[in-house]
Amino acid sequence: MASYIARIAERQGLREDEAYNLCVDMLRGAVDPIEISAILMGLRVKGEEPQEIRGFVRALRDNAVKVRVGDAMDIVGTGGDGLNTINASTLASIVVASIGVPVAKHGNRGFSSLVGSADFMEALGYPIEHGADVAEELLRLEGYAYLYAPKYHQALKAVAPVRKRLGIRTIFNLAAPLANPANPKIQVIGVPSPNMVKLIYRAVEEIDLRRFAVITGHPGMDELSPSGPSIAIIKRGSVEEITISPKTLGLEEIPINHISGQTREEIIEKGVRGLRGEDKGLTSFIAINAGLALYVAGEAGSIEEGYEKAYREIVSGSAWRKLGRIVATARRLAGLGSG
């Protein structure tokens, strides 16, 4: 362990296999908390490198409770934007599932935001604490399951006290969202700054994803933004590096304060209104993110076409009804009432 710390202190990168072994040792409780703290801080100050993130992702996957499914996709943000917008990636995942793309949505409670994806789903009655057996049956029946990260990444408890005491973003914040226990082959990954787009792209391009996109939006949003330009690297066979603006999709820019909230209750209420098609700005925010996901998944020929398809799915009421069925089926499988 001392040799790893010494190298990191000299700003030397770790090989992927070294990062993997180091992460496994941490997860299994074989590393002293002081050493964990030094390693996490050292990597952050040095700057995490793609092969290091990839090693941590592999270690987290190998030590997770597995969810065995066929083809599925995930739409996930690494968090950290602090903007308190509605949960657009979660809402978009429901729209995508409503259209027919199987989704294994991986997420957690909010740490840098008032409402995380788990908080939102729980508020709508979804039993987030269910296990892999329920998730697998849900995906079979409804084409959707929400995977609450602490339920599947129980080994992270070994590093939780140190991460909490440090109180900063560490390599685990970058790797954990990419370590979906269902191992989806299609993924949209949001990051909160332009300089992280290529970093995460290079980290995941050698992981077994068939199609994926890494995105960031104005102003530091880990989703496509309706408030200004967004940057995306998309791999669908060939690789595209593009800038997407609301005008590209024929939209007026939507102010951040329209799609965000000051309280947990306001954010959840706005998310519901958006998914019900009751507010054009909120609905458009969800639809542009769902539209990108449909494009990445091959269900639309362009982001514009995906946006239009997603918007229609929402305003028709289909996406909201789909959420109702998902929640009802999840509660039944988890042995709960209709709630």
Protein backbone atom coordinates (compact mmCIF):
# COMPACT_ATOMS: atom_id res chain seq x y z
CA MET A 1 0.00 0.00 0.00
CA ALA A 2 2.88 2.35 0.81
CA SER A 3 4.24 2.00 -2.73
CA TYR A 4 0.86 3.00 -4.22
CA ILE A 5 0.66 6.05 -1.98
CA ALA A 6 4.25 7.06 -2.81
CA ARG A 7 3.61 6.82 -6.56
CA ILE A 8 0.34 8.74 -6.36
CA ALA A 9 2.11 11.44 -4.31
CA GLU A 10 4.58 11.76 -7.20
CA ARG A 11 1.60 12.19 -9.57
CA GLN A 12 2.24 8.84 -11.23
CA GLY A 13 -0.77 7.00 -12.62
CA LEU A 14 -1.73 3.47 -11.68
CA ARG A 15 -2.23 0.77 -14.28
CA GLU A 16 -5.78 -0.55 -14.67
CA ASP A 17 -4.94 -3.84 -12.95
CA GLU A 18 -3.30 -1.97 -10.06
CA ALA A 19 -6.34 0.28 -9.64
CA TYR A 20 -8.57 -2.82 -9.74
CA ASN A 21 -6.58 -4.64 -7.04
CA LEU A 22 -6.38 -1.51 -4.90
CA CYS A 23 -10.16 -0.99 -5.07
CA VAL A 24 -10.84 -4.66 -4.28
CA ASP A 25 -8.60 -4.43 -1.20
CA MET A 26 -10.48 -1.32 -0.04
CA LEU A 27 -13.88 -2.96 -0.55
CA ARG A 28 -12.82 -6.04 1.40
CA GLY A 29 -11.66 -4.02 4.39
CA ALA A 30 -7.96 -4.79 3.87
CA VAL A 31 -6.84 -1.15 3.77
CA ASP A 32 -6.42 1.10 6.81
CA PRO A 33 -8.76 4.14 6.85
CA ILE A 34 -5.78 6.53 6.93
CA GLU A 35 -4.38 4.86 3.82
CA ILE A 36 -7.77 4.99 2.09
CA SER A 37 -7.96 8.70 2.83
CA ALA A 38 -4.45 9.30 1.46
CA ILE A 39 -5.17 7.34 -1.72
CA LEU A 40 -8.52 8.99 -2.45
CA MET A 41 -7.18 12.48 -1.79
CA GLY A 42 -4.00 11.76 -3.74
CA LEU A 43 -5.91 10.55 -6.80
CA ARG A 44 -8.19 13.59 -6.66
CA VAL A 45 -5.27 16.05 -6.42
CA LYS A 46 -3.26 14.21 -9.09
CA GLY A 47 -6.30 13.89 -11.30
CA GLU A 48 -7.97 10.54 -11.85
CA GLU A 49 -6.95 8.89 -15.12
CA PRO A 50 -9.16 6.81 -17.46
CA GLN A 51 -7.49 3.47 -16.70
CA GLU A 52 -7.75 4.12 -12.96
CA ILE A 53 -11.49 4.84 -13.20
CA ARG A 54 -11.91 1.74 -15.37
CA GLY A 55 -10.11 -0.41 -12.79
CA PHE A 56 -12.41 0.87 -10.03
CA VAL A 57 -15.51 0.26 -12.21
CA ARG A 58 -14.45 -3.35 -12.83
CA ALA A 59 -13.78 -3.89 -9.12
CA LEU A 60 -17.16 -2.46 -8.13
CA ARG A 61 -18.96 -4.61 -10.71
CA ASP A 62 -17.15 -7.77 -9.60
CA ASN A 63 -18.09 -7.13 -5.96
CA ALA A 64 -21.72 -6.14 -6.60
CA VAL A 65 -24.90 -8.17 -6.26
CA LYS A 66 -25.63 -9.16 -9.86
CA VAL A 67 -28.86 -8.48 -11.74
CA ARG A 68 -29.14 -10.89 -14.66
CA VAL A 69 -31.04 -9.40 -17.57
CA GLY A 70 -30.90 -9.35 -21.33
CA ASP A 71 -30.25 -6.17 -23.26
CA ALA A 72 -30.99 -3.05 -21.25
CA MET A 73 -29.87 0.56 -21.06
CA ASP A 74 -29.15 3.05 -18.30
CA ILE A 75 -29.30 6.84 -18.16
CA VAL A 76 -27.17 8.06 -15.29
CA GLY A 77 -25.46 11.21 -14.03
CA THR A 78 -22.30 11.29 -11.95
CA GLY A 79 -23.92 14.09 -9.91
CA GLY A 80 -22.15 17.01 -8.37
CA ASP A 81 -23.73 19.80 -10.41
CA GLY A 82 -25.54 21.23 -7.34
CA LEU A 83 -28.22 22.83 -9.53
CA ASN A 84 -31.23 21.10 -7.91
CA THR A 85 -32.98 20.54 -11.22
CA ILE A 86 -35.73 17.98 -11.62
CA ASN A 87 -34.49 14.39 -12.01
CA ALA A 88 -34.37 14.52 -15.80
CA SER A 89 -32.34 11.33 -16.32
CA THR A 90 -34.72 9.31 -14.12
CA LEU A 91 -37.79 10.80 -15.78
CA ALA A 92 -36.24 10.26 -19.22
CA SER A 93 -35.60 6.62 -18.34
CA ILE A 94 -39.33 6.12 -17.71
CA VAL A 95 -40.18 7.71 -21.07
CA VAL A 96 -37.66 5.49 -22.85
CA ALA A 97 -39.10 2.38 -21.17
CA SER A 98 -42.60 3.50 -22.11
CA ILE A 99 -41.49 3.60 -25.75
CA GLY A 100 -40.18 0.04 -25.47
CA VAL A 101 -36.48 0.18 -24.61
CA PRO A 102 -35.69 -1.95 -21.52
CA VAL A 103 -34.10 0.16 -18.76
CA ALA A 104 -32.16 -0.87 -15.66
CA LYS A 105 -31.90 2.50 -13.94
CA HIS A 106 -29.05 2.64 -11.44
CA GLY A 107 -29.06 5.43 -8.85
CA ASN A 108 -28.86 6.69 -5.31
CA ARG A 109 -30.16 9.30 -2.94
CA GLY A 110 -29.15 12.93 -3.34
CA PHE A 111 -25.86 13.98 -1.76
CA SER A 112 -24.93 17.13 -3.69
CA SER A 113 -28.58 17.77 -4.55
CA LEU A 114 -31.86 17.97 -2.65
CA VAL A 115 -33.45 15.09 -4.54
CA GLY A 116 -31.57 12.09 -5.91
CA SER A 117 -33.15 9.55 -8.23
CA ALA A 118 -33.86 7.21 -5.30
CA ASP A 119 -35.58 10.01 -3.37
CA PHE A 120 -37.76 10.76 -6.39
CA MET A 121 -38.73 7.16 -7.07
CA GLU A 122 -39.44 6.51 -3.39
CA ALA A 123 -41.66 9.61 -3.20
CA LEU A 124 -43.78 8.14 -6.00
CA GLY A 125 -44.26 4.88 -4.13
CA TYR A 126 -41.56 2.75 -5.74
CA PRO A 127 -40.02 0.25 -3.24
CA ILE A 128 -36.35 1.09 -3.78
CA GLU A 129 -35.08 -1.49 -1.27
CA HIS A 130 -36.12 -4.51 -3.35
CA GLY A 131 -33.52 -7.08 -4.33
CA ALA A 132 -32.18 -8.56 -7.54
CA ASP A 133 -34.95 -11.14 -7.85
CA VAL A 134 -37.62 -8.43 -7.96
CA ALA A 135 -35.50 -6.34 -10.36
CA GLU A 136 -35.14 -9.24 -12.79
CA GLU A 137 -38.88 -9.99 -12.74
CA LEU A 138 -39.72 -6.29 -13.12
CA LEU A 139 -37.52 -6.04 -16.19
CA ARG A 140 -39.25 -9.10 -17.64
CA LEU A 141 -42.76 -7.81 -16.93
CA GLU A 142 -42.42 -4.04 -17.35
CA GLY A 143 -39.10 -3.50 -19.14
CA TYR A 144 -37.95 -1.31 -16.25
CA ALA A 145 -36.33 -1.66 -12.84
CA TYR A 146 -34.78 0.87 -10.49
CA LEU A 147 -31.57 -0.41 -8.90
CA TYR A 148 -30.85 1.39 -5.63
CA ALA A 149 -27.05 1.45 -5.48
CA PRO A 150 -26.54 0.69 -1.73
CA LYS A 151 -28.62 -2.49 -2.11
CA TYR A 152 -26.30 -3.85 -4.80
CA HIS A 153 -22.93 -2.28 -3.88
CA GLN A 154 -22.88 -3.38 -0.26
CA ALA A 155 -19.07 -3.60 -0.29
CA LEU A 156 -18.93 0.21 -0.47
CA LYS A 157 -19.82 0.25 3.23
CA ALA A 158 -16.12 -0.45 3.88
CA VAL A 159 -15.10 2.96 2.51
CA ALA A 160 -18.23 4.94 3.45
CA PRO A 161 -16.90 6.42 6.74
CA VAL A 162 -13.75 7.77 5.05
CA ARG A 163 -15.69 9.18 2.09
CA LYS A 164 -18.11 10.88 4.46
CA ARG A 165 -15.32 12.41 6.55
CA LEU A 166 -13.46 13.65 3.47
CA GLY A 167 -16.61 15.30 2.14
CA ILE A 168 -15.24 15.73 -1.40
CA ARG A 169 -15.74 14.05 -4.75
CA THR A 170 -13.47 11.02 -5.05
CA ILE A 171 -12.84 8.39 -7.71
CA PHE A 172 -15.75 6.41 -6.25
CA ASN A 173 -18.12 9.20 -7.32
CA LEU A 174 -16.89 8.74 -10.90
CA ALA A 175 -16.77 4.95 -10.91
CA ALA A 176 -19.89 3.95 -8.94
CA PRO A 177 -22.47 5.39 -11.42
CA LEU A 178 -20.74 3.40 -14.19
CA ALA A 179 -20.88 0.13 -12.24
CA ASN A 180 -24.52 -0.77 -12.90
CA PRO A 181 -25.07 -4.29 -11.46
CA ALA A 182 -27.20 -5.21 -14.48
CA ASN A 183 -24.24 -4.51 -16.78
CA PRO A 184 -26.31 -2.71 -19.45
CA LYS A 185 -24.81 -2.54 -22.93
CA ILE A 186 -26.24 0.90 -23.74
CA GLN A 187 -25.66 3.89 -21.50
CA VAL A 188 -26.02 7.67 -21.39
CA ILE A 189 -23.62 9.17 -18.84
CA GLY A 190 -23.92 12.76 -17.64
CA VAL A 191 -21.01 14.68 -16.11
CA PRO A 192 -21.04 18.19 -14.59
CA SER A 193 -18.18 19.82 -16.53
CA PRO A 194 -16.78 19.85 -20.09
CA ASN A 195 -13.31 18.76 -18.96
CA MET A 196 -14.81 15.52 -17.61
CA VAL A 197 -16.46 14.50 -20.89
CA LYS A 198 -13.34 13.13 -22.57
CA LEU A 199 -12.05 11.70 -19.29
CA ILE A 200 -15.17 9.59 -18.76
CA TYR A 201 -15.40 8.76 -22.48
CA ARG A 202 -11.85 7.38 -22.40
CA ALA A 203 -12.64 5.49 -19.18
CA VAL A 204 -15.69 3.72 -20.60
CA GLU A 205 -14.68 3.21 -24.23
CA GLU A 206 -12.88 -0.03 -23.28
CA ILE A 207 -15.67 -1.28 -21.01
CA ASP A 208 -18.14 -3.64 -22.67
CA LEU A 209 -20.68 -1.02 -23.77
CA ARG A 210 -22.10 -1.44 -27.27
CA ARG A 211 -23.45 2.12 -27.56
CA PHE A 212 -23.01 5.07 -25.22
CA ALA A 213 -22.89 8.83 -24.86
CA VAL A 214 -21.07 11.09 -22.41
CA ILE A 215 -22.70 14.50 -22.02
CA THR A 216 -22.56 17.77 -20.12
CA GLY A 217 -24.85 20.77 -20.38
CA HIS A 218 -24.82 24.49 -19.61
CA PRO A 219 -24.24 25.65 -16.87
CA GLY A 220 -22.38 22.60 -15.51
CA MET A 221 -25.37 20.24 -15.75
CA ASP A 222 -24.89 16.45 -15.83
CA GLU A 223 -27.69 16.15 -18.41
CA LEU A 224 -28.60 17.72 -21.75
CA SER A 225 -29.48 21.31 -20.97
CA PRO A 226 -32.55 23.22 -22.15
CA SER A 227 -30.86 26.42 -20.93
CA GLY A 228 -27.85 26.57 -23.26
CA PRO A 229 -25.43 24.44 -25.24
CA SER A 230 -24.50 20.87 -24.32
CA ILE A 231 -21.46 18.86 -25.35
CA ALA A 232 -21.72 15.17 -26.21
CA ILE A 233 -19.47 12.37 -27.37
CA ILE A 234 -21.66 9.63 -28.79
CA LYS A 235 -20.58 6.15 -29.86
CA ARG A 236 -23.05 4.29 -32.07
CA GLY A 237 -20.55 2.33 -34.15
CA SER A 238 -18.77 5.51 -35.26
CA VAL A 239 -17.94 8.29 -32.78
CA GLU A 240 -19.56 11.73 -32.91
CA GLU A 241 -18.45 14.80 -30.97
CA ILE A 242 -21.25 17.33 -31.14
CA THR A 243 -22.65 20.47 -29.55
CA ILE A 244 -26.40 20.49 -29.02
CA SER A 245 -28.38 23.63 -28.25
CA PRO A 246 -32.10 24.10 -27.59
CA LYS A 247 -32.31 25.89 -30.95
CA THR A 248 -31.02 22.72 -32.64
CA LEU A 249 -34.25 21.10 -31.50
CA GLY A 250 -36.42 24.09 -32.33
CA LEU A 251 -36.79 25.13 -28.67
CA GLU A 252 -36.52 28.39 -26.83
CA GLU A 253 -34.01 28.37 -23.98
CA ILE A 254 -35.61 27.54 -20.64
CA PRO A 255 -34.29 29.39 -17.55
CA ILE A 256 -32.62 27.21 -14.91
CA ASN A 257 -35.02 28.43 -12.22
CA HIS A 258 -37.93 27.00 -14.23
CA ILE A 259 -36.51 23.46 -14.17
CA SER A 260 -35.09 23.54 -10.63
CA GLY A 261 -36.49 23.96 -7.14
CA GLN A 262 -35.64 25.33 -3.72
CA THR A 263 -37.11 22.45 -1.74
CA ARG A 264 -37.38 18.69 -2.05
CA GLU A 265 -41.16 18.97 -2.42
CA GLU A 266 -40.94 21.56 -5.20
CA ILE A 267 -38.45 19.49 -7.22
CA ILE A 268 -40.57 16.35 -6.96
CA GLU A 269 -43.76 18.25 -7.82
CA LYS A 270 -42.11 19.81 -10.88
CA GLY A 271 -40.83 16.42 -12.01
CA VAL A 272 -44.35 14.98 -11.79
CA ARG A 273 -45.79 17.89 -13.74
CA GLY A 274 -43.15 17.44 -16.41
CA LEU A 275 -43.84 13.72 -16.82
CA ARG A 276 -47.59 14.37 -16.92
CA GLY A 277 -47.07 16.88 -19.76
CA GLU A 278 -48.53 19.74 -17.72
CA ASP A 279 -45.66 22.21 -18.23
CA LYS A 280 -44.04 22.62 -21.65
CA GLY A 281 -40.63 23.69 -20.29
CA LEU A 282 -40.36 20.82 -17.81
CA THR A 283 -41.64 18.33 -20.37
CA SER A 284 -39.15 19.57 -22.97
CA PHE A 285 -36.27 19.12 -20.51
CA ILE A 286 -37.28 15.49 -19.96
CA ALA A 287 -37.91 14.90 -23.67
CA ILE A 288 -34.53 16.16 -24.89
CA ASN A 289 -32.79 13.74 -22.54
CA ALA A 290 -35.09 10.89 -23.49
CA GLY A 291 -34.59 11.82 -27.15
CA LEU A 292 -30.83 11.52 -26.85
CA ALA A 293 -31.24 8.14 -25.14
CA LEU A 294 -33.51 6.92 -27.94
CA TYR A 295 -30.92 8.03 -30.50
CA VAL A 296 -28.10 6.27 -28.65
CA ALA A 297 -30.23 3.11 -28.34
CA GLY A 298 -30.97 3.13 -32.07
CA GLU A 299 -34.68 3.85 -31.60
CA ALA A 300 -34.45 7.20 -33.39
CA GLY A 301 -32.47 8.32 -36.42
CA SER A 302 -31.49 11.61 -34.83
CA ILE A 303 -31.70 13.42 -31.52
CA GLU A 304 -34.38 15.65 -33.03
CA GLU A 305 -36.48 12.64 -34.01
CA GLY A 306 -35.93 11.14 -30.55
CA TYR A 307 -37.03 14.38 -28.90
CA GLU A 308 -40.26 14.53 -30.91
CA LYS A 309 -40.98 10.85 -30.17
CA ALA A 310 -40.37 11.34 -26.45
CA TYR A 311 -42.41 14.54 -26.28
CA ARG A 312 -45.40 12.82 -27.89
CA GLU A 313 -45.08 9.89 -25.48
CA ILE A 314 -45.29 12.30 -22.55
CA VAL A 315 -48.11 14.57 -23.69
CA SER A 316 -50.22 11.56 -24.70
CA GLY A 317 -50.16 10.43 -21.07
CA SER A 318 -48.44 7.13 -21.96
CA ALA A 319 -45.27 7.80 -19.96
CA TRP A 320 -47.20 8.70 -16.80
CA ARG A 321 -49.34 5.57 -17.13
CA LYS A 322 -46.19 3.52 -17.62
CA LEU A 323 -44.78 4.86 -14.36
CA GLY A 324 -48.02 3.87 -12.60
CA ARG A 325 -47.71 0.31 -13.90
CA ILE A 326 -44.03 0.10 -12.92
CA VAL A 327 -44.75 1.23 -9.36
CA ALA A 328 -47.77 -1.05 -8.97
CA THR A 329 -45.90 -4.11 -10.29
CA ALA A 330 -42.82 -3.35 -8.17
CA ARG A 331 -44.92 -3.05 -5.02
CA ARG A 332 -46.75 -6.29 -5.78
CA LEU A 333 -43.51 -8.18 -6.39
CA ALA A 334 -41.99 -6.70 -3.24
CA GLY A 335 -45.00 -7.91 -1.23
CA LEU A 336 -46.41 -4.45 -0.56
CA GLY A 337 -49.88 -3.02 -1.07
CA SER A 338 -50.85 -0.66 -3.85
CA GLY A 339 -49.80 2.25 -1.56
